[in-house]
């Protein structure tokens, strides 16, 4: 059982990878691997689960942030490459339950996203009642680049963004920065990075009914969304029913934005793209619990898939951005291949979500 002391960081030998503090009226979580972009691994996910359950009974708000210059660069790929199947599956299941717990906001959850915020942990932050980004924040879902699937409920959340913007972001891995993250609908507030620590202190000590007013005091004027000039094209292209048709529409438009978008697709895994699009289409009508159950089926297949292993091997061992995907093109990825990712798991392996 984890111990904690008022205002003092939880401490274990060799610099803990995740810290827990009780400051004022808040429980504060700090992802603590700053030299490795606060990348998430199973031990951190498991400890977070224990503390969130405890703090929902004792704290009036919970703040989640990263140490150093970044919130979180995503899941630690070295952990994925070096772990066995049960450990990875346990981590995925626990992470799903953590995000589901946060999304219910039994107490106000507040995430402070500074620097990089990639992958599933981005969704942990986005499911908070208040998602705060800074002018330095960069968010993205790059999983199709490694032969996996955008996870952490991102394919449940993203279809709900206007004008098929979420389809564009999830499939291409396009990065959004600063105020654009709020204007896209992913975050609720944008504050200057230089004032983030002051904001955290005020959030820890203000009355719970004053949290939103406190955030508004620090928030910057947003201005215009940088993707506004391309929204009609995004809506047109990414409302297509197939990846092939998305490519065809981008080619038909033939402008600087569409050509840049086609280049974003070039290194991505064809199978992941088709599976991700199917998931976006299916999960937009599901509640979060149902979406997590289907997501768990897909991710369980990614763990042992050729492309999932090839993406990790290429990135971590060969240090290249051109894995040898199989099939090599989206045209070669059949409906049957995509269907196989969504089939029920064997008895006892389906995800259990705890209310």
Protein backbone atom coordinates (compact mmCIF):
# COMPACT_ATOMS: atom_id res chain seq x y z
CA UNK A 1 0.00 0.00 0.00
CA UNK A 2 1.36 3.39 -0.96
CA UNK A 3 1.97 5.89 1.78
CA UNK A 4 1.86 9.64 1.49
CA UNK A 5 2.49 12.63 3.72
CA UNK A 6 0.90 16.06 3.56
CA UNK A 7 2.94 18.21 1.21
CA UNK A 8 5.79 15.65 0.99
CA UNK A 9 6.42 13.56 -2.11
CA UNK A 10 6.02 9.82 -1.90
CA UNK A 11 9.55 8.43 -1.88
CA UNK A 12 11.05 5.08 -2.78
CA UNK A 13 14.69 4.32 -3.62
CA UNK A 14 16.11 5.21 -7.03
CA UNK A 15 13.85 8.13 -7.90
CA UNK A 16 10.22 6.98 -8.21
CA UNK A 17 8.73 7.09 -11.69
CA UNK A 18 5.45 8.54 -10.43
CA UNK A 19 5.00 10.88 -7.46
CA UNK A 20 1.97 11.51 -5.24
CA UNK A 21 1.54 14.60 -3.05
CA UNK A 22 -1.27 16.00 -0.96
CA UNK A 23 -1.10 19.79 -1.16
CA UNK A 24 -3.80 21.96 0.31
CA UNK A 25 -7.09 20.49 -0.87
CA UNK A 26 -5.61 18.51 -3.77
CA UNK A 27 -4.05 15.20 -4.59
CA UNK A 28 -1.27 15.90 -7.10
CA UNK A 29 0.08 13.21 -9.45
CA UNK A 30 3.42 13.86 -11.16
CA UNK A 31 4.72 11.58 -13.92
CA UNK A 32 8.40 11.53 -13.00
CA UNK A 33 10.65 10.34 -15.82
CA UNK A 34 11.66 13.76 -17.18
CA UNK A 35 14.80 12.49 -18.90
CA UNK A 36 12.61 10.05 -20.86
CA UNK A 37 9.68 12.40 -21.54
CA UNK A 38 7.67 10.89 -18.63
CA UNK A 39 6.93 7.81 -20.72
CA UNK A 40 4.33 5.53 -19.13
CA UNK A 41 4.92 1.90 -18.15
CA UNK A 42 3.03 -0.72 -16.18
CA UNK A 43 4.36 0.04 -12.69
CA UNK A 44 3.27 3.68 -13.05
CA UNK A 45 -0.18 2.72 -14.34
CA UNK A 46 -0.72 0.29 -11.46
CA UNK A 47 0.32 2.77 -8.75
CA UNK A 48 -1.83 5.48 -10.30
CA UNK A 49 -4.86 3.18 -10.13
CA UNK A 50 -4.37 2.63 -6.38
CA UNK A 51 -3.97 6.31 -5.61
CA UNK A 52 -6.91 7.53 -7.69
CA UNK A 53 -9.21 5.14 -5.86
CA UNK A 54 -7.93 6.34 -2.48
CA UNK A 55 -7.93 10.04 -3.31
CA UNK A 56 -11.49 10.08 -4.62
CA UNK A 57 -12.49 9.36 -1.00
CA UNK A 58 -10.19 11.89 0.66
CA UNK A 59 -9.37 14.77 -1.74
CA UNK A 60 -11.65 17.46 -3.16
CA UNK A 61 -9.77 17.58 -6.48
CA UNK A 62 -7.00 15.65 -8.29
CA UNK A 63 -4.31 17.27 -10.46
CA UNK A 64 -2.24 15.30 -12.98
CA UNK A 65 0.97 16.76 -14.43
CA UNK A 66 4.41 15.85 -15.72
CA UNK A 67 7.86 16.57 -14.30
CA UNK A 68 10.25 18.75 -16.26
CA UNK A 69 9.40 20.10 -19.70
CA UNK A 70 6.77 17.57 -20.81
CA UNK A 71 3.49 16.08 -19.66
CA UNK A 72 4.05 12.66 -21.25
CA UNK A 73 5.51 11.35 -24.50
CA UNK A 74 3.13 8.37 -24.46
CA UNK A 75 3.65 4.72 -23.61
CA UNK A 76 7.25 3.58 -23.08
CA UNK A 77 7.94 1.59 -26.25
CA UNK A 78 10.92 -0.13 -24.61
CA UNK A 79 8.48 -1.49 -22.03
CA UNK A 80 6.21 -2.76 -24.82
CA UNK A 81 9.12 -4.34 -26.68
CA UNK A 82 10.64 -5.96 -23.61
CA UNK A 83 7.56 -7.17 -21.72
CA UNK A 84 5.57 -10.36 -21.99
CA UNK A 85 1.96 -10.49 -23.17
CA UNK A 86 0.30 -10.74 -19.73
CA UNK A 87 2.16 -7.67 -18.43
CA UNK A 88 1.25 -5.60 -21.47
CA UNK A 89 -2.38 -6.73 -21.38
CA UNK A 90 -2.57 -5.96 -17.66
CA UNK A 91 -1.14 -2.51 -18.31
CA UNK A 92 -3.64 -1.83 -21.10
CA UNK A 93 -6.55 -3.01 -18.92
CA UNK A 94 -5.46 -0.94 -15.91
CA UNK A 95 -4.91 2.13 -18.07
CA UNK A 96 -8.42 1.75 -19.50
CA UNK A 97 -9.86 1.60 -15.99
CA UNK A 98 -7.82 4.65 -14.94
CA UNK A 99 -9.15 6.71 -17.85
CA UNK A 100 -12.69 5.49 -17.23
CA UNK A 101 -12.39 6.49 -13.58
CA UNK A 102 -11.09 9.95 -14.49
CA UNK A 103 -13.85 10.45 -17.08
CA UNK A 104 -16.51 9.99 -14.39
CA UNK A 105 -15.06 12.90 -12.40
CA UNK A 106 -16.34 11.84 -8.99
CA UNK A 107 -14.12 14.69 -7.87
CA UNK A 108 -12.88 17.35 -10.30
CA UNK A 109 -9.86 16.07 -12.20
CA UNK A 110 -7.51 18.69 -13.67
CA UNK A 111 -4.70 17.85 -16.10
CA UNK A 112 -1.84 20.25 -16.78
CA UNK A 113 -0.39 19.52 -20.22
CA UNK A 114 2.93 21.23 -20.89
CA UNK A 115 5.29 20.16 -23.67
CA UNK A 116 4.62 16.79 -25.29
CA UNK A 117 1.35 14.95 -24.64
CA UNK A 118 1.14 11.93 -26.91
CA UNK A 119 -0.94 8.76 -27.16
CA UNK A 120 -3.15 7.18 -24.50
CA UNK A 121 -1.96 9.47 -21.73
CA UNK A 122 -3.29 12.41 -23.76
CA UNK A 123 -6.73 10.86 -23.38
CA UNK A 124 -6.21 10.50 -19.63
CA UNK A 125 -5.68 14.25 -19.60
CA UNK A 126 -8.52 14.99 -22.02
CA UNK A 127 -11.06 13.02 -19.99
CA UNK A 128 -10.50 15.29 -16.99
CA UNK A 129 -13.18 17.83 -16.17
CA UNK A 130 -10.57 20.51 -16.86
CA UNK A 131 -7.82 19.96 -19.42
CA UNK A 132 -5.25 22.74 -19.33
CA UNK A 133 -2.61 23.15 -22.04
CA UNK A 134 0.17 25.70 -22.23
CA UNK A 135 1.61 27.66 -25.12
CA UNK A 136 4.32 24.95 -25.23
CA UNK A 137 1.92 22.01 -25.42
CA UNK A 138 2.14 19.63 -28.37
CA UNK A 139 -0.47 16.88 -28.66
CA UNK A 140 -0.68 13.98 -31.11
CA UNK A 141 -1.73 10.38 -31.56
CA UNK A 142 1.13 8.76 -33.50
CA UNK A 143 0.24 5.08 -32.97
CA UNK A 144 -0.39 4.27 -36.66
CA UNK A 145 3.32 5.05 -37.15
CA UNK A 146 4.25 1.98 -35.06
CA UNK A 147 1.61 -0.45 -36.31
CA UNK A 148 -0.67 -0.04 -33.30
CA UNK A 149 -3.99 1.71 -32.73
CA UNK A 150 -4.67 5.13 -31.18
CA UNK A 151 -5.80 4.00 -27.74
CA UNK A 152 -6.87 5.27 -24.35
CA UNK A 153 -10.39 5.87 -25.70
CA UNK A 154 -9.08 8.33 -28.30
CA UNK A 155 -11.13 6.62 -31.01
CA UNK A 156 -14.23 7.11 -28.84
CA UNK A 157 -13.46 10.76 -28.14
CA UNK A 158 -12.11 11.90 -31.52
CA UNK A 159 -15.21 11.18 -33.68
CA UNK A 160 -17.10 13.64 -31.49
CA UNK A 161 -15.00 16.59 -32.66
CA UNK A 162 -16.66 18.78 -35.29
CA UNK A 163 -16.07 18.51 -39.04
CA UNK A 164 -14.34 15.11 -38.88
CA UNK A 165 -11.35 16.84 -37.31
CA UNK A 166 -10.85 13.89 -34.95
CA UNK A 167 -10.62 11.47 -37.88
CA UNK A 168 -7.92 13.65 -39.41
CA UNK A 169 -5.92 13.86 -36.17
CA UNK A 170 -6.23 10.18 -35.25
CA UNK A 171 -5.37 8.78 -38.66
CA UNK A 172 -2.53 11.13 -39.65
CA UNK A 173 -0.93 11.71 -36.24
CA UNK A 174 -0.97 15.44 -37.03
CA UNK A 175 0.36 17.54 -34.13
CA UNK A 176 -1.58 20.38 -32.57
CA UNK A 177 0.11 23.07 -30.50
CA UNK A 178 -0.91 25.44 -27.72
CA UNK A 179 -4.18 27.29 -28.23
CA UNK A 180 -5.12 25.03 -31.16
CA UNK A 181 -5.62 22.18 -28.68
CA UNK A 182 -8.40 24.17 -27.00
CA UNK A 183 -9.86 25.40 -30.29
CA UNK A 184 -10.02 21.82 -31.56
CA UNK A 185 -12.16 20.77 -28.59
CA UNK A 186 -9.54 18.55 -26.92
CA UNK A 187 -8.67 20.90 -24.04
CA UNK A 188 -10.63 23.43 -22.00
CA UNK A 189 -8.06 26.13 -21.14
CA UNK A 190 -4.72 27.48 -22.39
CA UNK A 191 -2.33 29.24 -20.01
CA UNK A 192 1.24 30.55 -20.35
CA UNK A 193 3.82 27.88 -19.49
CA UNK A 194 5.63 30.39 -17.29
CA UNK A 195 2.56 30.65 -15.05
CA UNK A 196 1.78 26.93 -14.80
CA UNK A 197 3.38 26.44 -11.39
CA UNK A 198 1.54 29.43 -9.95
CA UNK A 199 -1.71 28.04 -11.36
CA UNK A 200 -1.05 24.66 -9.76
CA UNK A 201 -0.53 26.27 -6.35
CA UNK A 202 -3.75 28.28 -6.64
CA UNK A 203 -5.68 25.21 -7.80
CA UNK A 204 -4.48 23.29 -4.78
CA UNK A 205 -5.70 25.90 -2.31
CA UNK A 206 -8.81 27.50 -3.80
CA UNK A 207 -12.34 26.44 -2.89
CA UNK A 208 -13.65 23.64 -5.10
CA UNK A 209 -16.43 25.90 -6.39
CA UNK A 210 -13.78 28.44 -7.46
CA UNK A 211 -11.70 26.07 -9.63
CA UNK A 212 -13.16 27.22 -12.93
CA UNK A 213 -12.84 30.89 -11.99
CA UNK A 214 -9.22 30.25 -11.05
CA UNK A 215 -8.54 28.65 -14.43
CA UNK A 216 -10.27 31.49 -16.26
CA UNK A 217 -8.07 34.02 -14.46
CA UNK A 218 -4.94 32.42 -15.94
CA UNK A 219 -6.38 31.62 -19.39
CA UNK A 220 -5.13 33.35 -22.53
CA UNK A 221 -7.24 34.77 -25.36
CA UNK A 222 -7.45 32.04 -27.97
CA UNK A 223 -7.62 33.78 -31.33
CA UNK A 224 -8.25 31.84 -34.56
CA UNK A 225 -7.77 28.11 -35.04
CA UNK A 226 -4.81 27.50 -37.39
CA UNK A 227 -6.75 24.77 -39.22
CA UNK A 228 -9.77 27.00 -39.95
CA UNK A 229 -8.67 27.60 -43.58
CA UNK A 230 -8.67 23.83 -44.16
CA UNK A 231 -11.76 22.77 -42.20
CA UNK A 232 -13.99 22.32 -45.27
CA UNK A 233 -11.33 20.15 -46.92
CA UNK A 234 -10.81 18.14 -43.71
CA UNK A 235 -14.55 17.54 -43.43
CA UNK A 236 -14.83 16.51 -47.08
CA UNK A 237 -11.82 14.19 -47.14
CA UNK A 238 -12.20 12.53 -43.75
CA UNK A 239 -15.94 11.93 -44.03
CA UNK A 240 -15.11 9.25 -46.61
CA UNK A 241 -16.07 5.67 -45.74
CA UNK A 242 -12.71 4.08 -46.60
CA UNK A 243 -9.04 4.95 -46.37
CA UNK A 244 -8.77 4.54 -50.14
CA UNK A 245 -11.50 7.15 -50.64
CA UNK A 246 -9.78 9.52 -48.20
CA UNK A 247 -6.64 9.24 -50.35
CA UNK A 248 -8.67 9.78 -53.53
CA UNK A 249 -10.32 12.92 -52.17
CA UNK A 250 -7.00 14.33 -50.98
CA UNK A 251 -5.53 13.69 -54.43
CA UNK A 252 -8.53 15.30 -56.11
CA UNK A 253 -8.24 18.50 -54.04
CA UNK A 254 -4.53 18.81 -54.93
CA UNK A 255 -3.61 21.83 -52.83
CA UNK A 256 -0.69 22.42 -50.43
CA UNK A 257 -2.70 21.15 -47.41
CA UNK A 258 -3.87 17.96 -49.15
CA UNK A 259 -0.40 17.21 -50.50
CA UNK A 260 1.11 17.67 -47.04
CA UNK A 261 -1.56 15.37 -45.59
CA UNK A 262 -0.82 12.66 -48.15
CA UNK A 263 2.85 12.85 -47.10
CA UNK A 264 1.81 12.37 -43.46
CA UNK A 265 0.26 9.04 -44.48
CA UNK A 266 3.36 7.72 -46.29
CA UNK A 267 5.21 6.10 -43.32
CA UNK A 268 2.06 4.86 -41.56
CA UNK A 269 0.99 1.23 -41.24
CA UNK A 270 -1.72 0.40 -43.82
CA UNK A 271 -3.39 -2.16 -41.56
CA UNK A 272 -3.45 0.26 -38.62
CA UNK A 273 -5.06 2.92 -40.78
CA UNK A 274 -7.88 0.64 -41.85
CA UNK A 275 -8.43 -0.73 -38.35
CA UNK A 276 -8.37 2.78 -36.87
CA UNK A 277 -10.92 4.10 -39.39
CA UNK A 278 -13.22 1.16 -38.66
CA UNK A 279 -12.89 1.87 -34.94
CA UNK A 280 -13.67 5.56 -35.40
CA UNK A 281 -16.80 4.65 -37.33
CA UNK A 282 -17.96 2.05 -34.83
CA UNK A 283 -17.12 3.75 -31.56
CA UNK A 284 -18.69 7.13 -32.23
CA UNK A 285 -22.06 5.60 -31.24
CA UNK A 286 -20.82 3.63 -28.20
CA UNK A 287 -20.57 4.69 -24.59
CA UNK A 288 -17.09 4.82 -23.10
CA UNK A 289 -17.28 1.44 -21.39
CA UNK A 290 -18.35 -0.32 -24.60
CA UNK A 291 -15.61 1.47 -26.54
CA UNK A 292 -12.95 0.32 -24.07
CA UNK A 293 -14.09 -3.30 -24.38
CA UNK A 294 -13.74 -3.20 -28.16
CA UNK A 295 -10.47 -1.28 -27.92
CA UNK A 296 -9.07 -3.99 -25.66
CA UNK A 297 -9.87 -6.61 -28.32
CA UNK A 298 -8.02 -4.64 -30.97
CA UNK A 299 -4.98 -3.87 -28.79
CA UNK A 300 -4.77 -7.53 -27.71
CA UNK A 301 -4.34 -8.39 -31.39
CA UNK A 302 -1.78 -5.60 -31.92
CA UNK A 303 0.48 -7.04 -29.21
CA UNK A 304 1.21 -10.21 -31.17
CA UNK A 305 0.70 -8.89 -34.68
CA UNK A 306 3.53 -8.80 -37.17
CA UNK A 307 3.04 -5.07 -37.76
CA UNK A 308 2.92 -4.23 -34.05
CA UNK A 309 6.26 -5.95 -33.50
CA UNK A 310 7.75 -4.60 -36.72
CA UNK A 311 6.88 -1.02 -35.82
CA UNK A 312 8.56 -1.30 -32.42
CA UNK A 313 11.57 -3.14 -33.84
CA UNK A 314 12.10 -0.60 -36.61
CA UNK A 315 11.79 2.43 -34.36
CA UNK A 316 13.74 1.18 -31.35
CA UNK A 317 16.31 -1.23 -32.80
CA UNK A 318 16.95 0.01 -36.32
CA UNK A 319 16.12 3.66 -35.62
CA UNK A 320 14.33 3.99 -38.96
CA UNK A 321 10.97 5.50 -39.86
CA UNK A 322 10.26 3.04 -42.67
CA UNK A 323 9.16 -0.30 -41.22
CA UNK A 324 8.52 -3.20 -43.57
CA UNK A 325 4.72 -3.23 -43.22
CA UNK A 326 2.71 -6.25 -44.34
CA UNK A 327 0.53 -5.77 -46.29
CA UNK A 328 2.44 -2.92 -47.83
CA UNK A 329 -0.53 -0.91 -49.15
CA UNK A 330 -4.05 -0.15 -47.94
CA UNK A 331 -5.43 -1.79 -51.10
CA UNK A 332 -3.97 -5.11 -49.94
CA UNK A 333 -5.58 -4.93 -46.48
CA UNK A 334 -8.80 -6.93 -46.79
CA UNK A 335 -12.03 -6.51 -44.85
CA UNK A 336 -11.44 -9.95 -43.33
CA UNK A 337 -8.07 -8.80 -41.96
CA UNK A 338 -9.71 -5.77 -40.36
CA UNK A 339 -12.62 -7.85 -39.02
CA UNK A 340 -10.23 -10.17 -37.21
CA UNK A 341 -9.09 -7.36 -34.90
CA UNK A 342 -12.62 -6.82 -33.58
CA UNK A 343 -13.65 -10.41 -32.88
CA UNK A 344 -14.45 -11.38 -29.26
CA UNK A 345 -11.53 -12.60 -27.18
CA UNK A 346 -11.41 -16.08 -25.60
CA UNK A 347 -13.34 -16.53 -22.38
CA UNK A 348 -11.69 -14.77 -19.46
CA UNK A 349 -9.69 -12.35 -21.65
CA UNK A 350 -12.31 -9.66 -22.27
CA UNK A 351 -11.77 -6.34 -20.52
CA UNK A 352 -13.53 -5.76 -17.22
CA UNK A 353 -14.31 -2.11 -16.48
CA UNK A 354 -14.91 -1.26 -12.81
CA UNK A 355 -17.62 1.28 -12.02
